Every structure is written in C-alpha cells, then in structure tokens.
Amino acid sequence: MQALLGIEGTAARIYFQTLISLVDPGLGFRDRHRRPPTDPVNAALSLGYSFLAVEADGAIAAAGLDPRVGLLHGDSRGQPALALDLMEEFRPLIVDTMVLEAFRRRSLAAGHFTIDPKRGCRLTAQGWERFVAAYEERLLTPFLHLPTAQR
C-alpha cells in the first residue's frame, strides 16, 4: 500500500505541475495547497473536490454501500473513504476542467476571492454564485466514453 501511495503522490505532483502551466500566473497558483487554500485556483479546486465527494457519497449511499470502507483512502480519519476512492477518476473530468474553464472564460477571476492569512483564500458571495453555476453546468454536460462511444 505504501508503494502504491508513493506512486500516486508522484503522479499527483506531476499532474498539478502540468495544471499550473495551464493557469494565468497572475492567479498565484504555484503548487497544490489544500488547508487552507492559498490562492483562487486552489480554493476553487478544494471546493469542487468537496462538492464531488458529497456527490460520490450520495451515490454510494443510494447503492447501499458503506462509504467508510475504501481501498486507497483509509478510514482512520472518519472520512468517506470509498467516496474519496471513487471520485479520483472524476476529479479531472468534472472539477479540474470546470475550474480551468471558469478562469479562462473569466466567469471566475481573482476579484471573486478574498485572502485572509489565517483562513486562506475564500470565495466572495458573487464568486460563490458563479462557482456553483459553473459546477452545476459541468455536471449537466454529457460525457462521451470513447472506447464504447456511449454517453
């Protein structure tokens, strides 16, 4: 398990370094910081991942599964480990692309966030509305599974 987590950690570092290159440097996104998020992109990613975890947890509950029993995410922190495991492959498809697109289209901008040295970077009321609208729009976007050509 430790070796697998090491590989996952290395892959995540490479992935986020690539993601950084796709974002306007003026947004201050230089590394992945979760608690607290240090810049608008990290704040948007963290919020999106939180939303996605709730979606996965709800789907798991609807299927009658135990959300605390996961493979990669241990249950030691009292978190929904299965939801965290299952949402991994959907992070880039739903949250990352939504966040990149929202900043590219300027539906989210630095002005939609406030930065507090102790609490980190947070959405303003207007930023919250724009974020939720972009997230909902992304969830309603059909995905095409290329190998099967199914939506």
N, C-alpha and C. Protein backbone atom coordinates (compact mmCIF):
# COMPACT_ATOMS: atom_id res chain seq x y z
N MET A 1 0.82 -1.19 0.00
CA MET A 1 0.00 0.00 0.00
C MET A 1 0.87 1.26 0.00
N GLN A 2 1.95 1.24 0.78
CA GLN A 2 2.84 2.40 0.83
C GLN A 2 3.45 2.69 -0.54
N ALA A 3 3.86 1.65 -1.26
CA ALA A 3 4.45 1.84 -2.59
C ALA A 3 3.41 2.44 -3.54
N LEU A 4 2.18 1.94 -3.45
CA LEU A 4 1.11 2.46 -4.30
C LEU A 4 0.83 3.92 -3.99
N LEU A 5 0.80 4.26 -2.72
CA LEU A 5 0.57 5.66 -2.34
C LEU A 5 1.73 6.55 -2.78
N GLY A 6 2.95 6.02 -2.77
CA GLY A 6 4.10 6.78 -3.25
C GLY A 6 3.98 7.08 -4.74
N ILE A 7 3.55 6.09 -5.50
CA ILE A 7 3.35 6.28 -6.94
C ILE A 7 2.25 7.31 -7.17
N GLU A 8 1.17 7.19 -6.42
CA GLU A 8 0.05 8.14 -6.55
C GLU A 8 0.51 9.57 -6.21
N GLY A 9 1.33 9.70 -5.19
CA GLY A 9 1.83 11.01 -4.80
C GLY A 9 2.71 11.63 -5.88
N THR A 10 3.56 10.81 -6.47
CA THR A 10 4.42 11.29 -7.56
C THR A 10 3.59 11.71 -8.76
N ALA A 11 2.62 10.89 -9.11
CA ALA A 11 1.73 11.22 -10.24
C ALA A 11 0.97 12.51 -9.97
N ALA A 12 0.51 12.70 -8.74
CA ALA A 12 -0.23 13.92 -8.39
C ALA A 12 0.66 15.15 -8.52
N ARG A 13 1.91 15.06 -8.09
CA ARG A 13 2.83 16.20 -8.21
C ARG A 13 3.04 16.56 -9.68
N ILE A 14 3.25 15.55 -10.51
CA ILE A 14 3.44 15.80 -11.95
C ILE A 14 2.18 16.39 -12.55
N TYR A 15 1.03 15.84 -12.19
CA TYR A 15 -0.24 16.33 -12.71
C TYR A 15 -0.46 17.80 -12.35
N PHE A 16 -0.27 18.15 -11.10
CA PHE A 16 -0.51 19.54 -10.69
C PHE A 16 0.51 20.50 -11.26
N GLN A 17 1.74 20.05 -11.47
CA GLN A 17 2.71 20.92 -12.14
C GLN A 17 2.26 21.22 -13.56
N THR A 18 1.68 20.25 -14.23
CA THR A 18 1.15 20.47 -15.57
C THR A 18 -0.07 21.38 -15.51
N LEU A 19 -0.94 21.17 -14.53
CA LEU A 19 -2.13 22.02 -14.37
C LEU A 19 -1.73 23.47 -14.14
N ILE A 20 -0.69 23.68 -13.36
CA ILE A 20 -0.19 25.03 -13.09
C ILE A 20 0.17 25.74 -14.39
N SER A 21 0.75 25.02 -15.33
CA SER A 21 1.16 25.63 -16.59
C SER A 21 -0.03 26.08 -17.45
N LEU A 22 -1.22 25.62 -17.12
CA LEU A 22 -2.42 25.97 -17.89
C LEU A 22 -3.18 27.16 -17.32
N VAL A 23 -2.69 27.70 -16.21
CA VAL A 23 -3.39 28.76 -15.49
C VAL A 23 -2.62 30.07 -15.58
N ASP A 24 -3.35 31.17 -15.66
CA ASP A 24 -2.74 32.50 -15.66
C ASP A 24 -1.86 32.66 -14.42
N PRO A 25 -0.57 32.94 -14.59
CA PRO A 25 0.33 33.08 -13.43
C PRO A 25 -0.12 34.16 -12.44
N GLY A 26 -0.89 35.14 -12.92
CA GLY A 26 -1.36 36.19 -12.04
C GLY A 26 -2.31 35.71 -10.95
N LEU A 27 -2.83 34.48 -11.08
CA LEU A 27 -3.73 33.94 -10.06
C LEU A 27 -2.98 33.35 -8.87
N GLY A 28 -1.66 33.24 -8.98
CA GLY A 28 -0.85 32.78 -7.85
C GLY A 28 -0.84 31.28 -7.61
N PHE A 29 -1.29 30.49 -8.57
CA PHE A 29 -1.34 29.04 -8.43
C PHE A 29 0.02 28.47 -8.77
N ARG A 30 0.83 28.18 -7.74
CA ARG A 30 2.19 27.70 -7.95
C ARG A 30 2.41 26.29 -7.41
N ASP A 31 1.46 25.82 -6.60
CA ASP A 31 1.55 24.48 -6.01
C ASP A 31 0.17 24.15 -5.45
N ARG A 32 -0.09 22.89 -5.19
CA ARG A 32 -1.38 22.50 -4.63
C ARG A 32 -1.35 22.67 -3.12
N HIS A 33 -2.19 23.57 -2.63
CA HIS A 33 -2.34 23.82 -1.18
C HIS A 33 -3.80 23.66 -0.83
N ARG A 34 -4.09 22.75 0.11
CA ARG A 34 -5.48 22.46 0.43
C ARG A 34 -5.99 23.13 1.69
N ARG A 35 -5.25 23.08 2.75
CA ARG A 35 -5.76 23.56 4.04
C ARG A 35 -4.79 24.52 4.69
N PRO A 36 -5.00 25.78 4.59
CA PRO A 36 -6.03 26.44 3.80
C PRO A 36 -5.54 26.67 2.37
N PRO A 37 -6.46 26.82 1.44
CA PRO A 37 -6.04 27.15 0.07
C PRO A 37 -5.44 28.55 0.03
N THR A 38 -4.36 28.70 -0.72
CA THR A 38 -3.60 29.95 -0.69
C THR A 38 -3.91 30.91 -1.83
N ASP A 39 -4.66 30.45 -2.82
CA ASP A 39 -4.93 31.29 -4.00
C ASP A 39 -6.27 30.88 -4.59
N PRO A 40 -6.80 31.67 -5.52
CA PRO A 40 -8.11 31.37 -6.09
C PRO A 40 -8.23 29.99 -6.74
N VAL A 41 -7.21 29.54 -7.44
CA VAL A 41 -7.32 28.24 -8.11
C VAL A 41 -7.37 27.12 -7.08
N ASN A 42 -6.51 27.16 -6.08
CA ASN A 42 -6.56 26.15 -5.02
C ASN A 42 -7.89 26.17 -4.29
N ALA A 43 -8.42 27.36 -4.03
CA ALA A 43 -9.71 27.46 -3.36
C ALA A 43 -10.82 26.84 -4.20
N ALA A 44 -10.81 27.11 -5.49
CA ALA A 44 -11.84 26.56 -6.38
C ALA A 44 -11.69 25.04 -6.50
N LEU A 45 -10.46 24.55 -6.63
CA LEU A 45 -10.25 23.10 -6.69
C LEU A 45 -10.74 22.42 -5.41
N SER A 46 -10.38 22.97 -4.27
CA SER A 46 -10.78 22.37 -2.99
C SER A 46 -12.29 22.33 -2.84
N LEU A 47 -12.95 23.43 -3.18
CA LEU A 47 -14.40 23.46 -3.08
C LEU A 47 -15.03 22.46 -4.05
N GLY A 48 -14.52 22.42 -5.27
CA GLY A 48 -15.03 21.47 -6.25
C GLY A 48 -14.85 20.03 -5.81
N TYR A 49 -13.71 19.71 -5.24
CA TYR A 49 -13.46 18.35 -4.75
C TYR A 49 -14.40 18.03 -3.59
N SER A 50 -14.70 19.02 -2.75
CA SER A 50 -15.65 18.80 -1.66
C SER A 50 -17.04 18.51 -2.22
N PHE A 51 -17.46 19.28 -3.20
CA PHE A 51 -18.75 19.04 -3.84
C PHE A 51 -18.79 17.63 -4.46
N LEU A 52 -17.71 17.25 -5.13
CA LEU A 52 -17.66 15.95 -5.79
C LEU A 52 -17.70 14.81 -4.77
N ALA A 53 -17.05 14.99 -3.64
CA ALA A 53 -17.08 13.97 -2.58
C ALA A 53 -18.50 13.78 -2.06
N VAL A 54 -19.25 14.86 -1.92
CA VAL A 54 -20.65 14.75 -1.48
C VAL A 54 -21.47 14.00 -2.53
N GLU A 55 -21.23 14.29 -3.81
CA GLU A 55 -21.94 13.58 -4.89
C GLU A 55 -21.63 12.08 -4.83
N ALA A 56 -20.36 11.74 -4.69
CA ALA A 56 -19.95 10.33 -4.63
C ALA A 56 -20.53 9.65 -3.40
N ASP A 57 -20.50 10.33 -2.27
CA ASP A 57 -21.04 9.78 -1.02
C ASP A 57 -22.54 9.49 -1.18
N GLY A 58 -23.26 10.40 -1.81
CA GLY A 58 -24.69 10.18 -2.03
C GLY A 58 -24.96 8.99 -2.94
N ALA A 59 -24.16 8.85 -3.98
CA ALA A 59 -24.32 7.72 -4.91
C ALA A 59 -24.03 6.40 -4.19
N ILE A 60 -23.02 6.41 -3.32
CA ILE A 60 -22.66 5.20 -2.57
C ILE A 60 -23.78 4.83 -1.61
N ALA A 61 -24.33 5.83 -0.93
CA ALA A 61 -25.44 5.58 -0.01
C ALA A 61 -26.65 5.04 -0.77
N ALA A 62 -26.93 5.61 -1.94
CA ALA A 62 -28.07 5.15 -2.74
C ALA A 62 -27.89 3.71 -3.20
N ALA A 63 -26.64 3.29 -3.38
CA ALA A 63 -26.35 1.92 -3.79
C ALA A 63 -26.32 0.96 -2.60
N GLY A 64 -26.45 1.51 -1.39
CA GLY A 64 -26.47 0.67 -0.20
C GLY A 64 -25.10 0.20 0.26
N LEU A 65 -24.06 0.91 -0.16
CA LEU A 65 -22.70 0.54 0.22
C LEU A 65 -22.25 1.36 1.43
N ASP A 66 -21.22 0.90 2.10
CA ASP A 66 -20.66 1.60 3.25
C ASP A 66 -19.60 2.58 2.76
N PRO A 67 -19.84 3.89 2.88
CA PRO A 67 -18.89 4.87 2.36
C PRO A 67 -17.56 4.92 3.13
N ARG A 68 -17.50 4.29 4.29
CA ARG A 68 -16.27 4.34 5.09
C ARG A 68 -15.26 3.26 4.70
N VAL A 69 -15.68 2.30 3.88
CA VAL A 69 -14.80 1.20 3.51
C VAL A 69 -14.23 1.45 2.12
N GLY A 70 -12.99 1.92 2.09
CA GLY A 70 -12.33 2.22 0.83
C GLY A 70 -11.06 1.42 0.68
N LEU A 71 -10.40 1.59 -0.44
CA LEU A 71 -9.16 0.87 -0.69
C LEU A 71 -7.95 1.77 -0.47
N LEU A 72 -7.90 2.89 -1.18
CA LEU A 72 -6.74 3.78 -1.09
C LEU A 72 -6.82 4.74 0.09
N HIS A 73 -7.99 5.21 0.38
CA HIS A 73 -8.17 6.15 1.49
C HIS A 73 -8.59 5.37 2.73
N GLY A 74 -7.74 5.38 3.73
CA GLY A 74 -8.06 4.66 4.96
C GLY A 74 -9.21 5.31 5.69
N ASP A 75 -9.82 4.56 6.59
CA ASP A 75 -10.96 5.10 7.33
C ASP A 75 -10.55 5.67 8.68
N SER A 76 -9.27 5.88 8.89
CA SER A 76 -8.79 6.35 10.19
C SER A 76 -9.22 7.78 10.50
N ARG A 77 -9.51 8.58 9.48
CA ARG A 77 -9.87 9.97 9.73
C ARG A 77 -11.38 10.18 9.78
N GLY A 78 -12.15 9.10 9.75
CA GLY A 78 -13.59 9.22 9.79
C GLY A 78 -14.19 9.80 8.53
N GLN A 79 -13.43 9.74 7.43
CA GLN A 79 -13.91 10.29 6.17
C GLN A 79 -14.54 9.18 5.33
N PRO A 80 -15.36 9.55 4.35
CA PRO A 80 -15.97 8.54 3.49
C PRO A 80 -14.94 7.99 2.50
N ALA A 81 -14.16 7.01 2.94
CA ALA A 81 -13.03 6.50 2.15
C ALA A 81 -13.44 6.00 0.77
N LEU A 82 -14.57 5.29 0.68
CA LEU A 82 -15.00 4.77 -0.61
C LEU A 82 -15.35 5.91 -1.56
N ALA A 83 -16.01 6.93 -1.04
CA ALA A 83 -16.34 8.09 -1.87
C ALA A 83 -15.07 8.76 -2.38
N LEU A 84 -14.09 8.90 -1.51
CA LEU A 84 -12.82 9.52 -1.92
C LEU A 84 -12.10 8.67 -2.95
N ASP A 85 -12.17 7.34 -2.81
CA ASP A 85 -11.57 6.46 -3.81
C ASP A 85 -12.27 6.59 -5.16
N LEU A 86 -13.59 6.54 -5.15
CA LEU A 86 -14.36 6.53 -6.40
C LEU A 86 -14.31 7.86 -7.13
N MET A 87 -14.16 8.94 -6.42
CA MET A 87 -14.19 10.25 -7.08
C MET A 87 -12.88 10.59 -7.78
N GLU A 88 -11.80 9.85 -7.50
CA GLU A 88 -10.49 10.18 -8.07
C GLU A 88 -10.51 10.33 -9.58
N GLU A 89 -11.14 9.39 -10.27
CA GLU A 89 -11.11 9.46 -11.74
C GLU A 89 -12.01 10.55 -12.29
N PHE A 90 -12.90 11.09 -11.46
CA PHE A 90 -13.79 12.16 -11.92
C PHE A 90 -13.27 13.56 -11.61
N ARG A 91 -12.25 13.66 -10.78
CA ARG A 91 -11.69 14.98 -10.46
C ARG A 91 -11.29 15.76 -11.71
N PRO A 92 -10.46 15.17 -12.59
CA PRO A 92 -10.06 15.95 -13.77
C PRO A 92 -11.22 16.18 -14.74
N LEU A 93 -12.11 15.21 -14.87
CA LEU A 93 -13.23 15.34 -15.81
C LEU A 93 -14.25 16.37 -15.39
N ILE A 94 -14.49 16.47 -14.10
CA ILE A 94 -15.54 17.37 -13.62
C ILE A 94 -14.94 18.64 -13.03
N VAL A 95 -14.17 18.50 -11.99
CA VAL A 95 -13.72 19.68 -11.24
C VAL A 95 -12.59 20.43 -11.95
N ASP A 96 -11.52 19.74 -12.30
CA ASP A 96 -10.36 20.43 -12.87
C ASP A 96 -10.72 21.15 -14.17
N THR A 97 -11.44 20.47 -15.06
CA THR A 97 -11.82 21.13 -16.31
C THR A 97 -12.77 22.29 -16.06
N MET A 98 -13.67 22.15 -15.10
CA MET A 98 -14.60 23.22 -14.78
C MET A 98 -13.86 24.44 -14.24
N VAL A 99 -12.91 24.21 -13.33
CA VAL A 99 -12.15 25.32 -12.75
C VAL A 99 -11.31 26.01 -13.82
N LEU A 100 -10.60 25.24 -14.63
CA LEU A 100 -9.79 25.84 -15.70
C LEU A 100 -10.65 26.66 -16.65
N GLU A 101 -11.79 26.11 -17.04
CA GLU A 101 -12.68 26.79 -17.97
C GLU A 101 -13.27 28.06 -17.35
N ALA A 102 -13.65 28.00 -16.08
CA ALA A 102 -14.23 29.17 -15.41
C ALA A 102 -13.23 30.32 -15.35
N PHE A 103 -11.97 30.03 -15.07
CA PHE A 103 -10.96 31.09 -15.05
C PHE A 103 -10.61 31.55 -16.47
N ARG A 104 -10.59 30.62 -17.42
CA ARG A 104 -10.29 31.00 -18.81
C ARG A 104 -11.38 31.91 -19.37
N ARG A 105 -12.62 31.61 -19.07
CA ARG A 105 -13.75 32.42 -19.55
C ARG A 105 -13.97 33.68 -18.72
N ARG A 106 -13.27 33.76 -17.61
CA ARG A 106 -13.37 34.88 -16.68
C ARG A 106 -14.72 34.92 -15.95
N SER A 107 -15.41 33.78 -15.92
CA SER A 107 -16.60 33.73 -15.08
C SER A 107 -16.17 33.65 -13.62
N LEU A 108 -14.93 33.21 -13.39
CA LEU A 108 -14.26 33.34 -12.09
C LEU A 108 -12.98 34.11 -12.31
N ALA A 109 -12.70 35.03 -11.41
CA ALA A 109 -11.49 35.85 -11.51
C ALA A 109 -10.98 36.11 -10.09
N ALA A 110 -9.78 36.62 -9.99
CA ALA A 110 -9.18 36.89 -8.68
C ALA A 110 -10.08 37.77 -7.82
N GLY A 111 -10.84 38.68 -8.43
CA GLY A 111 -11.73 39.55 -7.67
C GLY A 111 -12.90 38.85 -7.02
N HIS A 112 -13.12 37.59 -7.36
CA HIS A 112 -14.21 36.81 -6.74
C HIS A 112 -13.74 36.07 -5.49
N PHE A 113 -12.55 36.41 -5.02
CA PHE A 113 -11.96 35.74 -3.87
C PHE A 113 -11.39 36.77 -2.90
N THR A 114 -11.34 36.41 -1.65
CA THR A 114 -10.64 37.20 -0.64
C THR A 114 -9.57 36.30 -0.03
N ILE A 115 -8.48 36.92 0.39
CA ILE A 115 -7.41 36.13 1.01
C ILE A 115 -7.18 36.64 2.43
N ASP A 116 -7.32 35.74 3.37
CA ASP A 116 -7.07 36.02 4.79
C ASP A 116 -5.87 35.16 5.19
N PRO A 117 -4.84 35.75 5.77
CA PRO A 117 -3.63 34.99 6.11
C PRO A 117 -3.90 33.76 6.98
N LYS A 118 -4.92 33.82 7.84
CA LYS A 118 -5.20 32.69 8.73
C LYS A 118 -6.19 31.70 8.12
N ARG A 119 -7.19 32.20 7.42
CA ARG A 119 -8.25 31.34 6.89
C ARG A 119 -8.03 30.93 5.44
N GLY A 120 -7.07 31.55 4.78
CA GLY A 120 -6.78 31.22 3.39
C GLY A 120 -7.65 31.97 2.41
N CYS A 121 -7.71 31.47 1.21
CA CYS A 121 -8.43 32.10 0.12
C CYS A 121 -9.86 31.58 0.09
N ARG A 122 -10.82 32.51 0.01
CA ARG A 122 -12.24 32.15 0.04
C ARG A 122 -13.00 32.90 -1.04
N LEU A 123 -14.08 32.29 -1.50
CA LEU A 123 -14.96 32.94 -2.48
C LEU A 123 -15.77 34.06 -1.84
N THR A 124 -15.99 35.12 -2.60
CA THR A 124 -16.94 36.15 -2.20
C THR A 124 -18.35 35.62 -2.49
N ALA A 125 -19.37 36.35 -2.10
CA ALA A 125 -20.75 35.94 -2.37
C ALA A 125 -20.98 35.80 -3.88
N GLN A 126 -20.50 36.77 -4.65
CA GLN A 126 -20.66 36.70 -6.10
C GLN A 126 -19.84 35.54 -6.68
N GLY A 127 -18.65 35.34 -6.15
CA GLY A 127 -17.82 34.23 -6.60
C GLY A 127 -18.47 32.88 -6.31
N TRP A 128 -19.11 32.79 -5.15
CA TRP A 128 -19.81 31.55 -4.77
C TRP A 128 -20.92 31.26 -5.79
N GLU A 129 -21.70 32.26 -6.13
CA GLU A 129 -22.78 32.07 -7.10
C GLU A 129 -22.22 31.62 -8.45
N ARG A 130 -21.16 32.23 -8.88
CA ARG A 130 -20.56 31.88 -10.17
C ARG A 130 -19.96 30.47 -10.14
N PHE A 131 -19.33 30.14 -9.02
CA PHE A 131 -18.74 28.81 -8.89
C PHE A 131 -19.83 27.74 -8.95
N VAL A 132 -20.88 27.92 -8.18
CA VAL A 132 -21.96 26.93 -8.14
C VAL A 132 -22.61 26.79 -9.52
N ALA A 133 -22.80 27.90 -10.21
CA ALA A 133 -23.39 27.84 -11.56
C ALA A 133 -22.48 27.06 -12.51
N ALA A 134 -21.18 27.30 -12.45
CA ALA A 134 -20.24 26.59 -13.32
C ALA A 134 -20.19 25.11 -12.98
N TYR A 135 -20.23 24.79 -11.69
CA TYR A 135 -20.21 23.38 -11.26
C TYR A 135 -21.46 22.65 -11.74
N GLU A 136 -22.61 23.27 -11.54
CA GLU A 136 -23.86 22.65 -11.98
C GLU A 136 -23.89 22.46 -13.49
N GLU A 137 -23.40 23.46 -14.22
CA GLU A 137 -23.34 23.34 -15.68
C GLU A 137 -22.46 22.16 -16.09
N ARG A 138 -21.34 22.00 -15.39
CA ARG A 138 -20.42 20.90 -15.71
C ARG A 138 -21.07 19.55 -15.42
N LEU A 139 -21.82 19.46 -14.32
CA LEU A 139 -22.47 18.20 -14.00
C LEU A 139 -23.53 17.83 -15.04
N LEU A 140 -24.11 18.83 -15.67
CA LEU A 140 -25.14 18.58 -16.67
C LEU A 140 -24.57 18.35 -18.07
N THR A 141 -23.26 18.47 -18.21
CA THR A 141 -22.61 18.26 -19.50
C THR A 141 -22.46 16.77 -19.77
N PRO A 142 -22.99 16.27 -20.89
CA PRO A 142 -22.82 14.84 -21.20
C PRO A 142 -21.36 14.51 -21.49
N PHE A 143 -20.94 13.35 -21.06
CA PHE A 143 -19.59 12.86 -21.32
C PHE A 143 -19.68 11.71 -22.30
N LEU A 144 -18.74 11.65 -23.20
CA LEU A 144 -18.67 10.55 -24.15
C LEU A 144 -17.54 9.62 -23.73
N HIS A 145 -17.88 8.35 -23.48
CA HIS A 145 -16.88 7.33 -23.16
C HIS A 145 -16.32 6.84 -24.49
N LEU A 146 -15.11 7.26 -24.82
CA LEU A 146 -14.53 7.00 -26.14
C LEU A 146 -14.45 5.52 -26.52
N PRO A 147 -13.99 4.64 -25.63
CA PRO A 147 -13.89 3.24 -26.06
C PRO A 147 -15.23 2.62 -26.47
N THR A 148 -16.31 3.04 -25.82
CA THR A 148 -17.62 2.45 -26.14
C THR A 148 -18.52 3.40 -26.93
N ALA A 149 -18.12 4.64 -27.06
CA ALA A 149 -18.90 5.69 -27.73
C ALA A 149 -20.27 5.87 -27.07
N GLN A 150 -20.33 5.62 -25.76
CA GLN A 150 -21.57 5.80 -25.00
C GLN A 150 -21.49 7.05 -24.16
N ARG A 151 -22.64 7.68 -23.96
CA ARG A 151 -22.72 8.86 -23.09
C ARG A 151 -23.09 8.43 -21.70
